[in-house]
Every structure is written in structure tokens, then in C-alpha cells.
C-alpha atoms as a PDB file:
ATOM      1  CA  MET A   1      25.591  18.410  -4.888  1.00  0.00           C
ATOM      2  CA  LEU A   2      22.146  16.866  -5.451  1.00  0.00           C
ATOM      3  CA  GLU A   3      23.668  13.872  -7.190  1.00  0.00           C
ATOM      4  CA  ARG A   4      26.102  13.322  -4.323  1.00  0.00           C
ATOM      5  CA  ASN A   5      23.252  13.448  -1.767  1.00  0.00           C
ATOM      6  CA  THR A   6      21.324  10.913  -3.812  1.00  0.00           C
ATOM      7  CA  TRP A   7      24.289   8.544  -3.866  1.00  0.00           C
ATOM      8  CA  GLN A   8      24.778   8.935  -0.114  1.00  0.00           C
ATOM      9  CA  ARG A   9      21.102   8.465   0.652  1.00  0.00           C
ATOM     10  CA  ARG A  10      20.647   5.239  -1.320  1.00  0.00           C
ATOM     11  CA  PRO A  11      23.039   3.117   0.774  1.00  0.00           C
ATOM     12  CA  ARG A  12      21.430   4.426   3.978  1.00  0.00           C
ATOM     13  CA  GLU A  13      17.969   3.556   2.683  1.00  0.00           C
ATOM     14  CA  ALA A  14      19.142   0.100   1.644  1.00  0.00           C
ATOM     15  CA  GLU A  15      20.761  -0.455   5.044  1.00  0.00           C
ATOM     16  CA  LEU A  16      17.585   0.638   6.848  1.00  0.00           C
ATOM     17  CA  LYS A  17      15.484  -1.660   4.683  1.00  0.00           C
ATOM     18  CA  ASN A  18      17.920  -4.509   5.352  1.00  0.00           C
ATOM     19  CA  GLU A  19      17.683  -3.941   9.122  1.00  0.00           C
ATOM     20  CA  THR A  20      13.889  -3.851   8.936  1.00  0.00           C
ATOM     21  CA  LEU A  21      13.738  -7.082   6.953  1.00  0.00           C
ATOM     22  CA  SER A  22      16.256  -8.729   9.285  1.00  0.00           C
ATOM     23  CA  GLY A  23      14.056  -7.797  12.253  1.00  0.00           C
ATOM     24  CA  GLU A  24      10.999  -9.231  10.530  1.00  0.00           C
ATOM     25  CA  ILE A  25      12.885 -12.447   9.764  1.00  0.00           C
ATOM     26  CA  GLU A  26      13.929 -12.812  13.413  1.00  0.00           C
ATOM     27  CA  GLN A  27      10.349 -12.238  14.537  1.00  0.00           C
ATOM     28  CA  LEU A  28       9.088 -14.904  12.110  1.00  0.00           C
ATOM     29  CA  LYS A  29      11.781 -17.307  13.301  1.00  0.00           C
ATOM     30  CA  ARG A  30      10.607 -16.843  16.900  1.00  0.00           C
ATOM     31  CA  GLN A  31       6.997 -17.415  15.862  1.00  0.00           C
ATOM     32  CA  LEU A  32       7.941 -20.615  14.016  1.00  0.00           C
ATOM     33  CA  PHE A  33       9.963 -21.809  16.993  1.00  0.00           C
ATOM     34  CA  ASP A  34       7.023 -21.192  19.347  1.00  0.00           C
ATOM     35  CA  GLN A  35       4.577 -22.911  16.988  1.00  0.00           C
ATOM     36  CA  ASN A  36       6.909 -25.888  16.649  1.00  0.00           C
ATOM     37  CA  ARG A  37       7.259 -26.119  20.431  1.00  0.00           C
ATOM     38  CA  ARG A  38       3.459 -26.046  20.861  1.00  0.00           C
ATOM     39  CA  LEU A  39       3.024 -28.735  18.195  1.00  0.00           C
ATOM     40  CA  ILE A  40       5.578 -30.956  19.910  1.00  0.00           C
ATOM     41  CA  GLU A  41       3.790 -30.475  23.254  1.00  0.00           C
ATOM     42  CA  LYS A  42       0.417 -31.324  21.697  1.00  0.00           C
ATOM     43  CA  ASP A  43       1.886 -34.375  19.976  1.00  0.00           C
ATOM     44  CA  ASP A  44       3.335 -35.526  23.298  1.00  0.00           C
ATOM     45  CA  LEU A  45      -0.056 -35.110  24.987  1.00  0.00           C
ATOM     46  CA  LEU A  46      -1.760 -37.064  22.210  1.00  0.00           C
ATOM     47  CA  ASN A  47       0.794 -39.878  22.504  1.00  0.00           C
ATOM     48  CA  ARG A  48       0.265 -40.074  26.268  1.00  0.00           C
ATOM     49  CA  LYS A  49      -3.520 -40.074  25.809  1.00  0.00           C
ATOM     50  CA  ASP A  50      -3.269 -42.872  23.231  1.00  0.00           C
ATOM     51  CA  ALA A  51      -1.052 -44.908  25.556  1.00  0.00           C
ATOM     52  CA  LEU A  52      -3.565 -44.496  28.398  1.00  0.00           C
ATOM     53  CA  LEU A  53      -6.434 -45.510  26.118  1.00  0.00           C
ATOM     54  CA  ARG A  54      -4.553 -48.633  24.972  1.00  0.00           C
ATOM     55  CA  HIS A  55      -3.798 -49.515  28.586  1.00  0.00           C
ATOM     56  CA  TYR A  56      -7.449 -49.022  29.551  1.00  0.00           C
ATOM     57  CA  ALA A  57      -8.631 -51.148  26.613  1.00  0.00           C
ATOM     58  CA  ARG A  58      -6.304 -54.018  27.649  1.00  0.00           C
ATOM     59  CA  ARG A  59      -7.496 -53.853  31.258  1.00  0.00           C
ATOM     60  CA  LYS A  60     -11.118 -53.799  30.156  1.00  0.00           C
ATOM     61  CA  ARG A  61     -10.516 -56.781  27.839  1.00  0.00           C
ATOM     62  CA  LYS A  62      -8.891 -58.767  30.676  1.00  0.00           C
ATOM     63  CA  PHE A  63     -11.773 -57.908  32.980  1.00  0.00           C
ATOM     64  CA  MET A  64     -14.375 -58.901  30.386  1.00  0.00           C
ATOM     65  CA  ASP A  65     -12.525 -62.170  29.747  1.00  0.00           C
ATOM     66  CA  LEU A  66     -13.410 -63.133  33.319  1.00  0.00           C
ATOM     67  CA  PHE A  67     -17.079 -63.222  32.308  1.00  0.00           C
ATOM     68  CA  ASP A  68     -16.608 -64.794  28.892  1.00  0.00           C
ATOM     69  CA  GLY A  69     -17.768 -68.396  29.007  1.00  0.00           C
ATOM     70  CA  PRO A  70     -17.397 -70.894  31.809  1.00  0.00           C
ATOM     71  CA  HIS A  71     -14.521 -70.297  34.144  1.00  0.00           C
ATOM     72  CA  PRO A  72     -12.000 -73.182  34.378  1.00  0.00           C
ATOM     73  CA  ASN A  73     -12.382 -73.341  38.174  1.00  0.00           C
ATOM     74  CA  PHE A  74     -16.099 -74.108  37.838  1.00  0.00           C
ATOM     75  CA  GLU A  75     -15.744 -77.114  35.553  1.00  0.00           C
END
């Protein structure tokens, strides 16, 4: 009787452990998905910031070129 209970209990314990580990895996998958989404959002923000900085630098360069040396209209 004791041996039979042991053999019946082992599969139940293994199944419970499997369910627990499966739940932990799903939770980790969600965390990774959320982290990946946040990284993508931050990367997008950085790309937009860099594009704005490049645009500003070009505008500033064009503006400064107006004051660089004699202007052709004044010659």
C-alpha cells in the first residue's frame, strides 16, 4: 500500500513542479517582452533626438555661413 501511494504521488509532484516551472517561464517571457518593448521605445526616442540634433546643427551651420567672410552681394 505504501509503495503504491509513493508511485501515485511522484507523478502528481512532477506535474505540479512542471506547472510551477511553466508559470515561471511565462512570467519571464512577459518580462522579457516588456523590457524589449521599452528598449525599442528608448531607441526610437534616441534616434529622433539624434535626427533633431543633426537638423539643428545643419541650420546653425547655414546661419553661421551668412557671417563667414564677405558676402557676395557686398563685393
